[in-house]
Amino acid sequence: MAASKIAITIDQNLLYRLDSLVKAKRFTNRSRAIQEAVAEKLARIERSRLAQECAKLDPKFEQEMAEEGFTEEMDEGRSGCS
C-alpha cells in the first residue's frame, strides 16, 4: 500500500504520551501509532454508522421478510424433490 507523508499539529501532552508508548515499544514509531489510531477510529465510526442504520430497521418487518424468504426456499426445495 502506498503511503503519503503529512504534517500534523498535536497537543504537547498527547505527543508525550505517544512518545511514551513508542519508547515502551508498544509501537515501532510515531507514524505507526498514529496510523493505527486513525484506522481504529475510522473503523469505529463505520461500525457506529452501521449500527445507526440497523436501528432504523423495523424488527417485525425484517422478521416477516426473513420468514417469507425461508418459506419460499422450503417450497422450492420440496417442488424439486421427487
C-alpha atoms as a PDB file:
ATOM      1  CA  MET A   1       0.000   0.000   0.000  1.00  0.00           C
ATOM      2  CA  ALA A   2       1.322   3.410  -0.929  1.00  0.00           C
ATOM      3  CA  ALA A   3       1.878   5.827   1.909  1.00  0.00           C
ATOM      4  CA  SER A   4       1.593   9.600   1.935  1.00  0.00           C
ATOM      5  CA  LYS A   5       3.555  11.913   4.147  1.00  0.00           C
ATOM      6  CA  ILE A   6       1.548  14.521   6.061  1.00  0.00           C
ATOM      7  CA  ALA A   7       2.219  17.095   8.732  1.00  0.00           C
ATOM      8  CA  ILE A   8       0.001  17.305  11.804  1.00  0.00           C
ATOM      9  CA  THR A   9      -0.287  19.511  14.831  1.00  0.00           C
ATOM     10  CA  ILE A  10      -0.674  17.619  18.085  1.00  0.00           C
ATOM     11  CA  ASP A  11      -1.158  18.668  21.680  1.00  0.00           C
ATOM     12  CA  GLN A  12       2.091  18.513  23.660  1.00  0.00           C
ATOM     13  CA  ASN A  13       0.597  16.171  26.279  1.00  0.00           C
ATOM     14  CA  LEU A  14      -0.633  13.779  23.582  1.00  0.00           C
ATOM     15  CA  LEU A  15       2.797  13.801  21.986  1.00  0.00           C
ATOM     16  CA  TYR A  16       4.415  12.998  25.328  1.00  0.00           C
ATOM     17  CA  ARG A  17       2.002  10.080  25.829  1.00  0.00           C
ATOM     18  CA  LEU A  18       2.579   8.897  22.267  1.00  0.00           C
ATOM     19  CA  ASP A  19       6.341   9.006  22.707  1.00  0.00           C
ATOM     20  CA  SER A  20       5.986   7.024  25.943  1.00  0.00           C
ATOM     21  CA  LEU A  21       4.210   4.261  24.037  1.00  0.00           C
ATOM     22  CA  VAL A  22       6.895   4.251  21.352  1.00  0.00           C
ATOM     23  CA  LYS A  23       9.615   4.164  23.995  1.00  0.00           C
ATOM     24  CA  ALA A  24       7.854   1.233  25.694  1.00  0.00           C
ATOM     25  CA  LYS A  25       7.890  -0.487  22.273  1.00  0.00           C
ATOM     26  CA  ARG A  26       4.096  -0.615  22.034  1.00  0.00           C
ATOM     27  CA  PHE A  27       4.574   0.911  18.564  1.00  0.00           C
ATOM     28  CA  THR A  28       7.597   0.916  16.304  1.00  0.00           C
ATOM     29  CA  ASN A  29       7.401   4.673  15.800  1.00  0.00           C
ATOM     30  CA  ARG A  30       5.092   7.698  15.956  1.00  0.00           C
ATOM     31  CA  SER A  31       3.845   7.214  12.416  1.00  0.00           C
ATOM     32  CA  ARG A  32       2.782   3.635  13.076  1.00  0.00           C
ATOM     33  CA  ALA A  33       0.999   4.634  16.283  1.00  0.00           C
ATOM     34  CA  ILE A  34      -0.903   7.423  14.548  1.00  0.00           C
ATOM     35  CA  GLN A  35      -1.776   5.183  11.575  1.00  0.00           C
ATOM     36  CA  GLU A  36      -3.234   2.553  13.902  1.00  0.00           C
ATOM     37  CA  ALA A  37      -5.132   5.152  15.917  1.00  0.00           C
ATOM     38  CA  VAL A  38      -6.678   6.692  12.800  1.00  0.00           C
ATOM     39  CA  ALA A  39      -7.565   3.274  11.343  1.00  0.00           C
ATOM     40  CA  GLU A  40      -9.191   2.241  14.636  1.00  0.00           C
ATOM     41  CA  LYS A  41     -11.178   5.476  14.855  1.00  0.00           C
ATOM     42  CA  LEU A  42     -12.398   5.168  11.260  1.00  0.00           C
ATOM     43  CA  ALA A  43     -13.475   1.557  11.849  1.00  0.00           C
ATOM     44  CA  ARG A  44     -15.346   2.628  14.990  1.00  0.00           C
ATOM     45  CA  ILE A  45     -17.146   5.383  13.053  1.00  0.00           C
ATOM     46  CA  GLU A  46     -18.118   2.918  10.315  1.00  0.00           C
ATOM     47  CA  ARG A  47     -19.446   0.413  12.881  1.00  0.00           C
ATOM     48  CA  SER A  48     -21.377   3.204  14.576  1.00  0.00           C
ATOM     49  CA  ARG A  49     -22.887   4.286  11.262  1.00  0.00           C
ATOM     50  CA  LEU A  50     -23.892   0.691  10.518  1.00  0.00           C
ATOM     51  CA  ALA A  51     -25.469   0.399  13.979  1.00  0.00           C
ATOM     52  CA  GLN A  52     -27.406   3.625  13.389  1.00  0.00           C
ATOM     53  CA  GLU A  53     -28.714   2.300  10.080  1.00  0.00           C
ATOM     54  CA  CYS A  54     -29.666  -1.016  11.679  1.00  0.00           C
ATOM     55  CA  ALA A  55     -31.535   0.837  14.409  1.00  0.00           C
ATOM     56  CA  LYS A  56     -33.760   2.341  11.721  1.00  0.00           C
ATOM     57  CA  LEU A  57     -34.955  -1.107  10.659  1.00  0.00           C
ATOM     58  CA  ASP A  58     -38.320  -2.398  11.810  1.00  0.00           C
ATOM     59  CA  PRO A  59     -37.588  -5.722  13.554  1.00  0.00           C
ATOM     60  CA  LYS A  60     -41.085  -7.083  12.920  1.00  0.00           C
ATOM     61  CA  PHE A  61     -40.912  -6.301   9.196  1.00  0.00           C
ATOM     62  CA  GLU A  62     -37.399  -7.759   8.911  1.00  0.00           C
ATOM     63  CA  GLN A  63     -38.530 -10.945  10.688  1.00  0.00           C
ATOM     64  CA  GLU A  64     -41.518 -11.293   8.352  1.00  0.00           C
ATOM     65  CA  MET A  65     -39.272 -10.823   5.319  1.00  0.00           C
ATOM     66  CA  ALA A  66     -36.810 -13.426   6.617  1.00  0.00           C
ATOM     67  CA  GLU A  67     -39.595 -15.913   7.302  1.00  0.00           C
ATOM     68  CA  GLU A  68     -41.155 -15.274   3.906  1.00  0.00           C
ATOM     69  CA  GLY A  69     -37.836 -15.918   2.175  1.00  0.00           C
ATOM     70  CA  PHE A  70     -37.279 -19.056   4.245  1.00  0.00           C
ATOM     71  CA  THR A  71     -40.771 -20.350   3.407  1.00  0.00           C
ATOM     72  CA  GLU A  72     -40.182 -19.739  -0.303  1.00  0.00           C
ATOM     73  CA  GLU A  73     -36.863 -21.601  -0.139  1.00  0.00           C
ATOM     74  CA  MET A  74     -38.576 -24.514   1.620  1.00  0.00           C
ATOM     75  CA  ASP A  75     -41.332 -24.598  -1.032  1.00  0.00           C
ATOM     76  CA  GLU A  76     -38.758 -24.548  -3.841  1.00  0.00           C
ATOM     77  CA  GLY A  77     -36.856 -27.364  -2.170  1.00  0.00           C
ATOM     78  CA  ARG A  78     -39.980 -29.509  -1.928  1.00  0.00           C
ATOM     79  CA  SER A  79     -41.004 -28.972  -5.550  1.00  0.00           C
ATOM     80  CA  GLY A  80     -37.540 -30.004  -6.743  1.00  0.00           C
ATOM     81  CA  CYS A  81     -37.704 -33.345  -4.877  1.00  0.00           C
ATOM     82  CA  SER A  82     -39.393 -36.356  -6.464  1.00  0.00           C
END
